[in-house]
Amino acid sequence: MRTTEEHFGIILDYSEQHSELITNKFVGARGKENLHRQWQELVDVLNALQTETRTVKQWKQVVADWKCRVKKQYAELKKDFTAGGGAPVMENLTDQEMRLLNIMGMTAADGDEGLQEYGLEFEVCS
């Protein structure tokens, strides 16, 4: 089954009201239960569009894959733009991709520049 623009539009419409579906951040004592209930509500709407259906797990994978593709595309466009070779990043993303990035939060795409990274330091031998 192919995921259509209509599917992505429904996911975005629903997620703009329930951003925890995209961010995977649930709040409160019953947050995890509420998140699962919201996924089930969304999946019921998505599956009503066609005869073939997907499970909650399968739709979650569709959304996860989509988020990865959009973040990767954004990173590549940003790299080209900062290197001076491309058009402004936002001009090369669709409205749906921009909506998804806005729901995820730009830190998800850009990273947190104020966050110090820790780990092992390696010397590069030449």
PDB file of N, CA and C in Angstrom:
ATOM      1  N   MET A   1       0.839  -1.173   0.000  1.00  0.00           N
ATOM      2  CA  MET A   1       0.000   0.000   0.000  1.00  0.00           C
ATOM      3  C   MET A   1       0.888   1.242   0.000  1.00  0.00           C
ATOM      4  N   ARG A   2       0.549   2.186  -0.803  1.00  0.00           N
ATOM      5  CA  ARG A   2       1.313   3.415  -0.944  1.00  0.00           C
ATOM      6  C   ARG A   2       0.687   4.497  -0.071  1.00  0.00           C
ATOM      7  N   THR A   3       1.527   5.225   0.656  1.00  0.00           N
ATOM      8  CA  THR A   3       1.061   6.348   1.456  1.00  0.00           C
ATOM      9  C   THR A   3       0.938   7.557   0.537  1.00  0.00           C
ATOM     10  N   THR A   4      -0.225   8.185   0.540  1.00  0.00           N
ATOM     11  CA  THR A   4      -0.506   9.293  -0.372  1.00  0.00           C
ATOM     12  C   THR A   4      -0.349  10.639   0.329  1.00  0.00           C
ATOM     13  N   GLU A   5      -0.389  11.698  -0.477  1.00  0.00           N
ATOM     14  CA  GLU A   5      -0.357  13.056   0.072  1.00  0.00           C
ATOM     15  C   GLU A   5      -1.543  13.281   1.003  1.00  0.00           C
ATOM     16  N   GLU A   6      -2.670  12.665   0.684  1.00  0.00           N
ATOM     17  CA  GLU A   6      -3.856  12.786   1.536  1.00  0.00           C
ATOM     18  C   GLU A   6      -3.584  12.192   2.919  1.00  0.00           C
ATOM     19  N   HIS A   7      -2.922  11.039   2.954  1.00  0.00           N
ATOM     20  CA  HIS A   7      -2.552  10.431   4.237  1.00  0.00           C
ATOM     21  C   HIS A   7      -1.671  11.385   5.043  1.00  0.00           C
ATOM     22  N   PHE A   8      -0.630  11.909   4.388  1.00  0.00           N
ATOM     23  CA  PHE A   8       0.273  12.808   5.095  1.00  0.00           C
ATOM     24  C   PHE A   8      -0.451  14.064   5.570  1.00  0.00           C
ATOM     25  N   GLY A   9      -1.381  14.557   4.765  1.00  0.00           N
ATOM     26  CA  GLY A   9      -2.171  15.722   5.170  1.00  0.00           C
ATOM     27  C   GLY A   9      -2.998  15.442   6.416  1.00  0.00           C
ATOM     28  N   ILE A  10      -3.598  14.269   6.474  1.00  0.00           N
ATOM     29  CA  ILE A  10      -4.390  13.887   7.650  1.00  0.00           C
ATOM     30  C   ILE A  10      -3.482  13.746   8.875  1.00  0.00           C
ATOM     31  N   ILE A  11      -2.322  13.129   8.683  1.00  0.00           N
ATOM     32  CA  ILE A  11      -1.366  12.988   9.787  1.00  0.00           C
ATOM     33  C   ILE A  11      -0.973  14.367  10.316  1.00  0.00           C
ATOM     34  N   LEU A  12      -0.699  15.295   9.415  1.00  0.00           N
ATOM     35  CA  LEU A  12      -0.311  16.643   9.835  1.00  0.00           C
ATOM     36  C   LEU A  12      -1.452  17.376  10.529  1.00  0.00           C
ATOM     37  N   ASP A  13      -2.650  17.308   9.957  1.00  0.00           N
ATOM     38  CA  ASP A  13      -3.799  17.971  10.567  1.00  0.00           C
ATOM     39  C   ASP A  13      -4.010  17.484  11.995  1.00  0.00           C
ATOM     40  N   TYR A  14      -3.948  16.179  12.172  1.00  0.00           N
ATOM     41  CA  TYR A  14      -4.155  15.588  13.492  1.00  0.00           C
ATOM     42  C   TYR A  14      -2.991  15.944  14.426  1.00  0.00           C
ATOM     43  N   SER A  15      -1.786  15.891  13.904  1.00  0.00           N
ATOM     44  CA  SER A  15      -0.597  16.132  14.722  1.00  0.00           C
ATOM     45  C   SER A  15      -0.446  17.589  15.133  1.00  0.00           C
ATOM     46  N   GLU A  16      -1.007  18.498  14.368  1.00  0.00           N
ATOM     47  CA  GLU A  16      -0.952  19.903  14.771  1.00  0.00           C
ATOM     48  C   GLU A  16      -1.773  20.134  16.039  1.00  0.00           C
ATOM     49  N   GLN A  17      -2.749  19.274  16.280  1.00  0.00           N
ATOM     50  CA  GLN A  17      -3.537  19.333  17.511  1.00  0.00           C
ATOM     51  C   GLN A  17      -2.954  18.431  18.599  1.00  0.00           C
ATOM     52  N   HIS A  18      -2.204  17.417  18.189  1.00  0.00           N
ATOM     53  CA  HIS A  18      -1.631  16.421  19.101  1.00  0.00           C
ATOM     54  C   HIS A  18      -0.164  16.209  18.736  1.00  0.00           C
ATOM     55  N   SER A  19       0.673  17.192  18.998  1.00  0.00           N
ATOM     56  CA  SER A  19       2.067  17.145  18.542  1.00  0.00           C
ATOM     57  C   SER A  19       2.859  15.997  19.159  1.00  0.00           C
ATOM     58  N   GLU A  20       2.379  15.451  20.267  1.00  0.00           N
ATOM     59  CA  GLU A  20       3.096  14.337  20.891  1.00  0.00           C
ATOM     60  C   GLU A  20       3.176  13.117  19.976  1.00  0.00           C
ATOM     61  N   LEU A  21       2.302  13.024  18.980  1.00  0.00           N
ATOM     62  CA  LEU A  21       2.395  11.924  18.016  1.00  0.00           C
ATOM     63  C   LEU A  21       3.691  12.011  17.212  1.00  0.00           C
ATOM     64  N   ILE A  22       4.115  13.224  16.931  1.00  0.00           N
ATOM     65  CA  ILE A  22       5.331  13.437  16.150  1.00  0.00           C
ATOM     66  C   ILE A  22       6.560  13.492  17.059  1.00  0.00           C
ATOM     67  N   THR A  23       6.421  14.133  18.211  1.00  0.00           N
ATOM     68  CA  THR A  23       7.562  14.320  19.097  1.00  0.00           C
ATOM     69  C   THR A  23       7.797  13.125  20.028  1.00  0.00           C
ATOM     70  N   ASN A  24       6.790  12.263  20.156  1.00  0.00           N
ATOM     71  CA  ASN A  24       6.837  11.111  21.065  1.00  0.00           C
ATOM     72  C   ASN A  24       7.035  11.520  22.523  1.00  0.00           C
ATOM     73  N   LYS A  25       6.576  12.707  22.855  1.00  0.00           N
ATOM     74  CA  LYS A  25       6.643  13.180  24.236  1.00  0.00           C
ATOM     75  C   LYS A  25       5.241  13.121  24.820  1.00  0.00           C
ATOM     76  N   PHE A  26       5.061  12.280  25.803  1.00  0.00           N
ATOM     77  CA  PHE A  26       3.760  12.207  26.443  1.00  0.00           C
ATOM     78  C   PHE A  26       3.863  12.769  27.853  1.00  0.00           C
ATOM     79  N   VAL A  27       2.752  13.354  28.319  1.00  0.00           N
ATOM     80  CA  VAL A  27       2.754  14.089  29.574  1.00  0.00           C
ATOM     81  C   VAL A  27       1.714  13.499  30.519  1.00  0.00           C
ATOM     82  N   GLY A  28       2.055  13.492  31.788  1.00  0.00           N
ATOM     83  CA  GLY A  28       1.104  13.110  32.811  1.00  0.00           C
ATOM     84  C   GLY A  28       1.136  11.629  33.130  1.00  0.00           C
ATOM     85  N   ALA A  29       0.352  11.303  34.149  1.00  0.00           N
ATOM     86  CA  ALA A  29       0.307   9.924  34.630  1.00  0.00           C
ATOM     87  C   ALA A  29      -0.236   8.962  33.581  1.00  0.00           C
ATOM     88  N   ARG A  30      -1.141   9.422  32.770  1.00  0.00           N
ATOM     89  CA  ARG A  30      -1.740   8.573  31.742  1.00  0.00           C
ATOM     90  C   ARG A  30      -1.274   8.970  30.334  1.00  0.00           C
ATOM     91  N   GLY A  31      -0.129   9.596  30.280  1.00  0.00           N
ATOM     92  CA  GLY A  31       0.384  10.078  29.007  1.00  0.00           C
ATOM     93  C   GLY A  31       0.579   8.998  27.969  1.00  0.00           C
ATOM     94  N   LYS A  32       1.165   7.885  28.380  1.00  0.00           N
ATOM     95  CA  LYS A  32       1.416   6.799  27.439  1.00  0.00           C
ATOM     96  C   LYS A  32       0.097   6.210  26.923  1.00  0.00           C
ATOM     97  N   GLU A  33      -0.876   6.065  27.813  1.00  0.00           N
ATOM     98  CA  GLU A  33      -2.194   5.562  27.402  1.00  0.00           C
ATOM     99  C   GLU A  33      -2.869   6.535  26.445  1.00  0.00           C
ATOM    100  N   ASN A  34      -2.781   7.831  26.762  1.00  0.00           N
ATOM    101  CA  ASN A  34      -3.387   8.841  25.886  1.00  0.00           C
ATOM    102  C   ASN A  34      -2.722   8.855  24.515  1.00  0.00           C
ATOM    103  N   LEU A  35      -1.409   8.700  24.504  1.00  0.00           N
ATOM    104  CA  LEU A  35      -0.686   8.671  23.236  1.00  0.00           C
ATOM    105  C   LEU A  35      -1.141   7.479  22.392  1.00  0.00           C
ATOM    106  N   HIS A  36      -1.263   6.320  23.030  1.00  0.00           N
ATOM    107  CA  HIS A  36      -1.725   5.137  22.303  1.00  0.00           C
ATOM    108  C   HIS A  36      -3.156   5.340  21.789  1.00  0.00           C
ATOM    109  N   ARG A  37      -4.018   5.938  22.582  1.00  0.00           N
ATOM    110  CA  ARG A  37      -5.391   6.200  22.167  1.00  0.00           C
ATOM    111  C   ARG A  37      -5.422   7.163  20.974  1.00  0.00           C
ATOM    112  N   GLN A  38      -4.580   8.189  21.025  1.00  0.00           N
ATOM    113  CA  GLN A  38      -4.523   9.146  19.918  1.00  0.00           C
ATOM    114  C   GLN A  38      -4.022   8.481  18.640  1.00  0.00           C
ATOM    115  N   TRP A  39      -3.020   7.610  18.767  1.00  0.00           N
ATOM    116  CA  TRP A  39      -2.553   6.878  17.587  1.00  0.00           C
ATOM    117  C   TRP A  39      -3.685   6.033  17.010  1.00  0.00           C
ATOM    118  N   GLN A  40      -4.444   5.371  17.865  1.00  0.00           N
ATOM    119  CA  GLN A  40      -5.538   4.527  17.385  1.00  0.00           C
ATOM    120  C   GLN A  40      -6.595   5.357  16.674  1.00  0.00           C
ATOM    121  N   GLU A  41      -6.909   6.536  17.216  1.00  0.00           N
ATOM    122  CA  GLU A  41      -7.879   7.425  16.563  1.00  0.00           C
ATOM    123  C   GLU A  41      -7.378   7.838  15.176  1.00  0.00           C
ATOM    124  N   LEU A  42      -6.123   8.215  15.099  1.00  0.00           N
ATOM    125  CA  LEU A  42      -5.545   8.626  13.818  1.00  0.00           C
ATOM    126  C   LEU A  42      -5.541   7.476  12.826  1.00  0.00           C
ATOM    127  N   VAL A  43      -5.139   6.306  13.266  1.00  0.00           N
ATOM    128  CA  VAL A  43      -5.079   5.130  12.389  1.00  0.00           C
ATOM    129  C   VAL A  43      -6.470   4.775  11.867  1.00  0.00           C
ATOM    130  N   ASP A  44      -7.484   4.912  12.692  1.00  0.00           N
ATOM    131  CA  ASP A  44      -8.847   4.638  12.234  1.00  0.00           C
ATOM    132  C   ASP A  44      -9.235   5.562  11.086  1.00  0.00           C
ATOM    133  N   VAL A  45      -8.861   6.830  11.184  1.00  0.00           N
ATOM    134  CA  VAL A  45      -9.155   7.792  10.111  1.00  0.00           C
ATOM    135  C   VAL A  45      -8.353   7.449   8.857  1.00  0.00           C
ATOM    136  N   LEU A  46      -7.070   7.154   9.027  1.00  0.00           N
ATOM    137  CA  LEU A  46      -6.214   6.834   7.880  1.00  0.00           C
ATOM    138  C   LEU A  46      -6.676   5.561   7.173  1.00  0.00           C
ATOM    139  N   ASN A  47      -7.031   4.552   7.946  1.00  0.00           N
ATOM    140  CA  ASN A  47      -7.458   3.286   7.353  1.00  0.00           C
ATOM    141  C   ASN A  47      -8.818   3.390   6.677  1.00  0.00           C
ATOM    142  N   ALA A  48      -9.613   4.375   7.041  1.00  0.00           N
ATOM    143  CA  ALA A  48     -10.928   4.560   6.424  1.00  0.00           C
ATOM    144  C   ALA A  48     -10.805   5.041   4.973  1.00  0.00           C
ATOM    145  N   LEU A  49      -9.626   5.480   4.575  1.00  0.00           N
ATOM    146  CA  LEU A  49      -9.433   5.995   3.214  1.00  0.00           C
ATOM    147  C   LEU A  49      -9.324   4.909   2.158  1.00  0.00           C
ATOM    148  N   GLN A  50      -9.114   3.668   2.570  1.00  0.00           N
ATOM    149  CA  GLN A  50      -8.893   2.618   1.574  1.00  0.00           C
ATOM    150  C   GLN A  50      -9.323   1.263   2.112  1.00  0.00           C
ATOM    151  N   THR A  51      -9.290   0.286   1.238  1.00  0.00           N
ATOM    152  CA  THR A  51      -9.702  -1.059   1.653  1.00  0.00           C
ATOM    153  C   THR A  51      -8.599  -1.784   2.401  1.00  0.00           C
ATOM    154  N   GLU A  52      -7.359  -1.546   2.028  1.00  0.00           N
ATOM    155  CA  GLU A  52      -6.227  -2.168   2.719  1.00  0.00           C
ATOM    156  C   GLU A  52      -5.876  -1.320   3.939  1.00  0.00           C
ATOM    157  N   THR A  53      -5.627  -1.961   5.064  1.00  0.00           N
ATOM    158  CA  THR A  53      -5.356  -1.212   6.290  1.00  0.00           C
ATOM    159  C   THR A  53      -3.977  -1.528   6.839  1.00  0.00           C
ATOM    160  N   ARG A  54      -3.505  -0.660   7.740  1.00  0.00           N
ATOM    161  CA  ARG A  54      -2.239  -0.846   8.438  1.00  0.00           C
ATOM    162  C   ARG A  54      -2.516  -0.801   9.935  1.00  0.00           C
ATOM    163  N   THR A  55      -1.642  -1.431  10.681  1.00  0.00           N
ATOM    164  CA  THR A  55      -1.744  -1.412  12.141  1.00  0.00           C
ATOM    165  C   THR A  55      -1.151  -0.103  12.674  1.00  0.00           C
ATOM    166  N   VAL A  56      -1.356   0.152  13.957  1.00  0.00           N
ATOM    167  CA  VAL A  56      -0.749   1.316  14.599  1.00  0.00           C
ATOM    168  C   VAL A  56       0.767   1.246  14.430  1.00  0.00           C
ATOM    169  N   LYS A  57       1.341   0.084  14.651  1.00  0.00           N
ATOM    170  CA  LYS A  57       2.793  -0.088  14.532  1.00  0.00           C
ATOM    171  C   LYS A  57       3.268   0.261  13.121  1.00  0.00           C
ATOM    172  N   GLN A  58       2.529  -0.172  12.109  1.00  0.00           N
ATOM    173  CA  GLN A  58       2.917   0.105  10.726  1.00  0.00           C
ATOM    174  C   GLN A  58       2.810   1.601  10.403  1.00  0.00           C
ATOM    175  N   TRP A  59       1.760   2.270  10.886  1.00  0.00           N
ATOM    176  CA  TRP A  59       1.617   3.703  10.652  1.00  0.00           C
ATOM    177  C   TRP A  59       2.692   4.479  11.407  1.00  0.00           C
ATOM    178  N   LYS A  60       3.049   4.028  12.602  1.00  0.00           N
ATOM    179  CA  LYS A  60       4.133   4.682  13.340  1.00  0.00           C
ATOM    180  C   LYS A  60       5.430   4.600  12.538  1.00  0.00           C
ATOM    181  N   GLN A  61       5.656   3.466  11.889  1.00  0.00           N
ATOM    182  CA  GLN A  61       6.863   3.308  11.071  1.00  0.00           C
ATOM    183  C   GLN A  61       6.825   4.237   9.864  1.00  0.00           C
ATOM    184  N   VAL A  62       5.663   4.391   9.241  1.00  0.00           N
ATOM    185  CA  VAL A  62       5.517   5.322   8.115  1.00  0.00           C
ATOM    186  C   VAL A  62       5.900   6.732   8.562  1.00  0.00           C
ATOM    187  N   VAL A  63       5.395   7.152   9.720  1.00  0.00           N
ATOM    188  CA  VAL A  63       5.681   8.494  10.225  1.00  0.00           C
ATOM    189  C   VAL A  63       7.164   8.628  10.578  1.00  0.00           C
ATOM    190  N   ALA A  64       7.737   7.621  11.220  1.00  0.00           N
ATOM    191  CA  ALA A  64       9.161   7.665  11.574  1.00  0.00           C
ATOM    192  C   ALA A  64      10.035   7.773  10.323  1.00  0.00           C
ATOM    193  N   ASP A  65       9.716   6.993   9.295  1.00  0.00           N
ATOM    194  CA  ASP A  65      10.474   7.040   8.037  1.00  0.00           C
ATOM    195  C   ASP A  65      10.344   8.409   7.374  1.00  0.00           C
ATOM    196  N   TRP A  66       9.139   8.960   7.399  1.00  0.00           N
ATOM    197  CA  TRP A  66       8.889  10.272   6.802  1.00  0.00           C
ATOM    198  C   TRP A  66       9.679  11.351   7.535  1.00  0.00           C
ATOM    199  N   LYS A  67       9.667  11.309   8.865  1.00  0.00           N
ATOM    200  CA  LYS A  67      10.426  12.274   9.655  1.00  0.00           C
ATOM    201  C   LYS A  67      11.908  12.198   9.306  1.00  0.00           C
ATOM    202  N   CYS A  68      12.447  11.005   9.190  1.00  0.00           N
ATOM    203  CA  CYS A  68      13.866  10.833   8.840  1.00  0.00           C
ATOM    204  C   CYS A  68      14.179  11.401   7.470  1.00  0.00           C
ATOM    205  N   ARG A  69      13.297  11.118   6.492  1.00  0.00           N
ATOM    206  CA  ARG A  69      13.525  11.632   5.131  1.00  0.00           C
ATOM    207  C   ARG A  69      13.512  13.159   5.114  1.00  0.00           C
ATOM    208  N   VAL A  70      12.563  13.758   5.817  1.00  0.00           N
ATOM    209  CA  VAL A  70      12.451  15.217   5.812  1.00  0.00           C
ATOM    210  C   VAL A  70      13.636  15.850   6.543  1.00  0.00           C
ATOM    211  N   LYS A  71      14.034  15.285   7.683  1.00  0.00           N
ATOM    212  CA  LYS A  71      15.193  15.826   8.397  1.00  0.00           C
ATOM    213  C   LYS A  71      16.452  15.716   7.549  1.00  0.00           C
ATOM    214  N   LYS A  72      16.617  14.599   6.852  1.00  0.00           N
ATOM    215  CA  LYS A  72      17.789  14.415   5.999  1.00  0.00           C
ATOM    216  C   LYS A  72      17.775  15.424   4.850  1.00  0.00           C
ATOM    217  N   GLN A  73      16.616  15.590   4.234  1.00  0.00           N
ATOM    218  CA  GLN A  73      16.503  16.550   3.135  1.00  0.00           C
ATOM    219  C   GLN A  73      16.798  17.966   3.630  1.00  0.00           C
ATOM    220  N   TYR A  74      16.261  18.321   4.781  1.00  0.00           N
ATOM    221  CA  TYR A  74      16.492  19.643   5.361  1.00  0.00           C
ATOM    222  C   TYR A  74      17.990  19.846   5.615  1.00  0.00           C
ATOM    223  N   ALA A  75      18.646  18.845   6.190  1.00  0.00           N
ATOM    224  CA  ALA A  75      20.079  18.954   6.495  1.00  0.00           C
ATOM    225  C   ALA A  75      20.898  19.142   5.220  1.00  0.00           C
ATOM    226  N   GLU A  76      20.562  18.396   4.171  1.00  0.00           N
ATOM    227  CA  GLU A  76      21.291  18.519   2.903  1.00  0.00           C
ATOM    228  C   GLU A  76      21.078  19.890   2.270  1.00  0.00           C
ATOM    229  N   LEU A  77      19.836  20.382   2.310  1.00  0.00           N
ATOM    230  CA  LEU A  77      19.545  21.709   1.755  1.00  0.00           C
ATOM    231  C   LEU A  77      20.256  22.801   2.553  1.00  0.00           C
ATOM    232  N   LYS A  78      20.259  22.656   3.854  1.00  0.00           N
ATOM    233  CA  LYS A  78      20.916  23.652   4.703  1.00  0.00           C
ATOM    234  C   LYS A  78      22.419  23.657   4.448  1.00  0.00           C
ATOM    235  N   LYS A  79      22.988  22.467   4.288  1.00  0.00           N
ATOM    236  CA  LYS A  79      24.425  22.362   4.010  1.00  0.00           C
ATOM    237  C   LYS A  79      24.757  23.050   2.683  1.00  0.00           C
ATOM    238  N   ASP A  80      23.948  22.799   1.646  1.00  0.00           N
ATOM    239  CA  ASP A  80      24.169  23.432   0.346  1.00  0.00           C
ATOM    240  C   ASP A  80      24.047  24.948   0.441  1.00  0.00           C
ATOM    241  N   PHE A  81      23.046  25.406   1.203  1.00  0.00           N
ATOM    242  CA  PHE A  81      22.815  26.844   1.319  1.00  0.00           C
ATOM    243  C   PHE A  81      23.956  27.519   2.066  1.00  0.00           C
ATOM    244  N   THR A  82      24.390  26.924   3.173  1.00  0.00           N
ATOM    245  CA  THR A  82      25.471  27.551   3.946  1.00  0.00           C
ATOM    246  C   THR A  82      26.803  27.494   3.200  1.00  0.00           C
ATOM    247  N   ALA A  83      26.937  26.559   2.283  1.00  0.00           N
ATOM    248  CA  ALA A  83      28.149  26.496   1.463  1.00  0.00           C
ATOM    249  C   ALA A  83      28.082  27.490   0.306  1.00  0.00           C
ATOM    250  N   GLY A  84      26.948  28.156   0.168  1.00  0.00           N
ATOM    251  CA  GLY A  84      26.811  29.179  -0.861  1.00  0.00           C
ATOM    252  C   GLY A  84      26.357  28.662  -2.204  1.00  0.00           C
ATOM    253  N   GLY A  85      25.925  27.416  -2.260  1.00  0.00           N
ATOM    254  CA  GLY A  85      25.593  26.878  -3.564  1.00  0.00           C
ATOM    255  C   GLY A  85      24.128  26.600  -3.806  1.00  0.00           C
ATOM    256  N   GLY A  86      23.269  26.970  -2.877  1.00  0.00           N
ATOM    257  CA  GLY A  86      21.878  26.603  -3.079  1.00  0.00           C
ATOM    258  C   GLY A  86      20.925  27.726  -2.751  1.00  0.00           C
ATOM    259  N   ALA A  87      19.673  27.480  -3.088  1.00  0.00           N
ATOM    260  CA  ALA A  87      18.607  28.424  -2.778  1.00  0.00           C
ATOM    261  C   ALA A  87      18.288  28.326  -1.292  1.00  0.00           C
ATOM    262  N   PRO A  88      17.598  29.336  -0.745  1.00  0.00           N
ATOM    263  CA  PRO A  88      17.184  29.249   0.650  1.00  0.00           C
ATOM    264  C   PRO A  88      16.452  27.933   0.925  1.00  0.00           C
ATOM    265  N   VAL A  89      16.749  27.353   2.062  1.00  0.00           N
ATOM    266  CA  VAL A  89      16.259  26.016   2.419  1.00  0.00           C
ATOM    267  C   VAL A  89      14.748  25.913   2.296  1.00  0.00           C
ATOM    268  N   MET A  90      14.036  26.890   2.837  1.00  0.00           N
ATOM    269  CA  MET A  90      12.582  26.814   2.899  1.00  0.00           C
ATOM    270  C   MET A  90      11.934  26.809   1.515  1.00  0.00           C
ATOM    271  N   GLU A  91      12.605  27.367   0.519  1.00  0.00           N
ATOM    272  CA  GLU A  91      12.059  27.383  -0.837  1.00  0.00           C
ATOM    273  C   GLU A  91      12.045  25.997  -1.472  1.00  0.00           C
ATOM    274  N   ASN A  92      12.861  25.090  -0.955  1.00  0.00           N
ATOM    275  CA  ASN A  92      12.989  23.763  -1.548  1.00  0.00           C
ATOM    276  C   ASN A  92      12.212  22.686  -0.811  1.00  0.00           C
ATOM    277  N   LEU A  93      11.453  23.075   0.201  1.00  0.00           N
ATOM    278  CA  LEU A  93      10.635  22.125   0.950  1.00  0.00           C
ATOM    279  C   LEU A  93       9.170  22.360   0.628  1.00  0.00           C
ATOM    280  N   THR A  94       8.404  21.286   0.596  1.00  0.00           N
ATOM    281  CA  THR A  94       6.970  21.419   0.342  1.00  0.00           C
ATOM    282  C   THR A  94       6.282  21.972   1.590  1.00  0.00           C
ATOM    283  N   ASP A  95       5.046  22.403   1.418  1.00  0.00           N
ATOM    284  CA  ASP A  95       4.268  22.888   2.560  1.00  0.00           C
ATOM    285  C   ASP A  95       4.134  21.800   3.621  1.00  0.00           C
ATOM    286  N   GLN A  96       3.912  20.565   3.183  1.00  0.00           N
ATOM    287  CA  GLN A  96       3.764  19.470   4.140  1.00  0.00           C
ATOM    288  C   GLN A  96       5.066  19.225   4.896  1.00  0.00           C
ATOM    289  N   GLU A  97       6.188  19.293   4.201  1.00  0.00           N
ATOM    290  CA  GLU A  97       7.477  19.100   4.863  1.00  0.00           C
ATOM    291  C   GLU A  97       7.737  20.208   5.875  1.00  0.00           C
ATOM    292  N   MET A  98       7.378  21.438   5.522  1.00  0.00           N
ATOM    293  CA  MET A  98       7.545  22.551   6.456  1.00  0.00           C
ATOM    294  C   MET A  98       6.638  22.384   7.676  1.00  0.00           C
ATOM    295  N   ARG A  99       5.412  21.954   7.444  1.00  0.00           N
ATOM    296  CA  ARG A  99       4.497  21.717   8.567  1.00  0.00           C
ATOM    297  C   ARG A  99       5.057  20.651   9.500  1.00  0.00           C
ATOM    298  N   LEU A 100       5.603  19.584   8.930  1.00  0.00           N
ATOM    299  CA  LEU A 100       6.180  18.518   9.740  1.00  0.00           C
ATOM    300  C   LEU A 100       7.353  19.046  10.568  1.00  0.00           C
ATOM    301  N   LEU A 101       8.250  19.807   9.947  1.00  0.00           N
ATOM    302  CA  LEU A 101       9.384  20.376  10.676  1.00  0.00           C
ATOM    303  C   LEU A 101       8.913  21.288  11.805  1.00  0.00           C
ATOM    304  N   ASN A 102       7.872  22.062  11.554  1.00  0.00           N
ATOM    305  CA  ASN A 102       7.351  22.944  12.596  1.00  0.00           C
ATOM    306  C   ASN A 102       6.781  22.160  13.768  1.00  0.00           C
ATOM    307  N   ILE A 103       6.116  21.051  13.491  1.00  0.00           N
ATOM    308  CA  ILE A 103       5.574  20.222  14.562  1.00  0.00           C
ATOM    309  C   ILE A 103       6.710  19.573  15.347  1.00  0.00           C
ATOM    310  N   MET A 104       7.713  19.065  14.627  1.00  0.00           N
ATOM    311  CA  MET A 104       8.853  18.418  15.288  1.00  0.00           C
ATOM    312  C   MET A 104       9.646  19.416  16.111  1.00  0.00           C
ATOM    313  N   GLY A 105       9.669  20.649  15.668  1.00  0.00           N
ATOM    314  CA  GLY A 105      10.522  21.661  16.282  1.00  0.00           C
ATOM    315  C   GLY A 105      11.834  21.702  15.525  1.00  0.00           C
ATOM    316  N   MET A 106      12.328  22.874  15.302  1.00  0.00           N
ATOM    317  CA  MET A 106      13.531  23.009  14.485  1.00  0.00           C
ATOM    318  C   MET A 106      14.766  22.423  15.165  1.00  0.00           C
ATOM    319  N   THR A 107      14.744  22.273  16.493  1.00  0.00           N
ATOM    320  CA  THR A 107      15.879  21.636  17.167  1.00  0.00           C
ATOM    321  C   THR A 107      16.040  20.205  16.697  1.00  0.00           C
ATOM    322  N   ALA A 108      14.924  19.562  16.376  1.00  0.00           N
ATOM    323  CA  ALA A 108      14.989  18.186  15.875  1.00  0.00           C
ATOM    324  C   ALA A 108      15.727  18.129  14.545  1.00  0.00           C
ATOM    325  N   ALA A 109      15.615  19.193  13.750  1.00  0.00           N
ATOM    326  CA  ALA A 109      16.279  19.219  12.448  1.00  0.00           C
ATOM    327  C   ALA A 109      17.666  19.848  12.526  1.00  0.00           C
ATOM    328  N   ASP A 110      17.796  20.928  13.304  1.00  0.00           N
ATOM    329  CA  ASP A 110      19.062  21.659  13.382  1.00  0.00           C
ATOM    330  C   ASP A 110      20.007  21.145  14.445  1.00  0.00           C
ATOM    331  N   GLY A 111      19.463  20.503  15.456  1.00  0.00           N
ATOM    332  CA  GLY A 111      20.269  20.134  16.612  1.00  0.00           C
ATOM    333  C   GLY A 111      20.282  21.287  17.602  1.00  0.00           C
ATOM    334  N   ASP A 112      20.791  21.044  18.777  1.00  0.00           N
ATOM    335  CA  ASP A 112      20.848  22.054  19.822  1.00  0.00           C
ATOM    336  C   ASP A 112      22.274  22.566  19.900  1.00  0.00           C
ATOM    337  N   GLU A 113      22.487  23.752  19.343  1.00  0.00           N
ATOM    338  CA  GLU A 113      23.841  24.301  19.289  1.00  0.00           C
ATOM    339  C   GLU A 113      24.378  24.650  20.670  1.00  0.00           C
ATOM    340  N   GLY A 114      23.489  24.870  21.645  1.00  0.00           N
ATOM    341  CA  GLY A 114      23.917  25.200  22.989  1.00  0.00           C
ATOM    342  C   GLY A 114      24.267  23.980  23.824  1.00  0.00           C
ATOM    343  N   LEU A 115      24.074  22.811  23.278  1.00  0.00           N
ATOM    344  CA  LEU A 115      24.314  21.575  24.007  1.00  0.00           C
ATOM    345  C   LEU A 115      25.766  21.141  23.813  1.00  0.00           C
ATOM    346  N   GLN A 116      26.461  20.985  24.918  1.00  0.00           N
ATOM    347  CA  GLN A 116      27.848  20.554  24.842  1.00  0.00           C
ATOM    348  C   GLN A 116      27.882  19.039  24.699  1.00  0.00           C
ATOM    349  N   GLU A 117      28.694  18.570  23.775  1.00  0.00           N
ATOM    350  CA  GLU A 117      28.819  17.133  23.570  1.00  0.00           C
ATOM    351  C   GLU A 117      29.966  16.589  24.411  1.00  0.00           C
ATOM    352  N   TYR A 118      29.740  15.417  24.964  1.00  0.00           N
ATOM    353  CA  TYR A 118      30.753  14.749  25.764  1.00  0.00           C
ATOM    354  C   TYR A 118      31.081  13.414  25.115  1.00  0.00           C
ATOM    355  N   GLY A 119      32.249  12.949  25.377  1.00  0.00           N
ATOM    356  CA  GLY A 119      32.636  11.661  24.838  1.00  0.00           C
ATOM    357  C   GLY A 119      34.144  11.544  24.816  1.00  0.00           C
ATOM    358  N   LEU A 120      34.604  10.537  24.177  1.00  0.00           N
ATOM    359  CA  LEU A 120      36.034  10.307  24.075  1.00  0.00           C
ATOM    360  C   LEU A 120      36.616  11.171  22.979  1.00  0.00           C
ATOM    361  N   GLU A 121      37.778  11.704  23.249  1.00  0.00           N
ATOM    362  CA  GLU A 121      38.446  12.472  22.225  1.00  0.00           C
ATOM    363  C   GLU A 121      39.529  11.607  21.616  1.00  0.00           C
ATOM    364  N   PHE A 122      39.601  11.613  20.321  1.00  0.00           N
ATOM    365  CA  PHE A 122      40.570  10.820  19.606  1.00  0.00           C
ATOM    366  C   PHE A 122      41.522  11.738  18.860  1.00  0.00           C
ATOM    367  N   GLU A 123      42.751  11.349  18.860  1.00  0.00           N
ATOM    368  CA  GLU A 123      43.717  12.079  18.051  1.00  0.00           C
ATOM    369  C   GLU A 123      43.816  11.363  16.709  1.00  0.00           C
ATOM    370  N   VAL A 124      43.849  12.140  15.677  1.00  0.00           N
ATOM    371  CA  VAL A 124      43.963  11.582  14.339  1.00  0.00           C
ATOM    372  C   VAL A 124      45.443  11.530  13.983  1.00  0.00           C
ATOM    373  N   CYS A 125      45.918  10.348  13.702  1.00  0.00           N
ATOM    374  CA  CYS A 125      47.324  10.174  13.326  1.00  0.00           C
ATOM    375  C   CYS A 125      47.468  10.347  11.822  1.00  0.00           C
ATOM    376  N   SER A 126      48.506  11.016  11.439  1.00  0.00           N
ATOM    377  CA  SER A 126      48.716  11.181  10.005  1.00  0.00           C
ATOM    378  C   SER A 126      49.897  10.382   9.518  1.00  0.00           C
TER     379      SER A 126
END
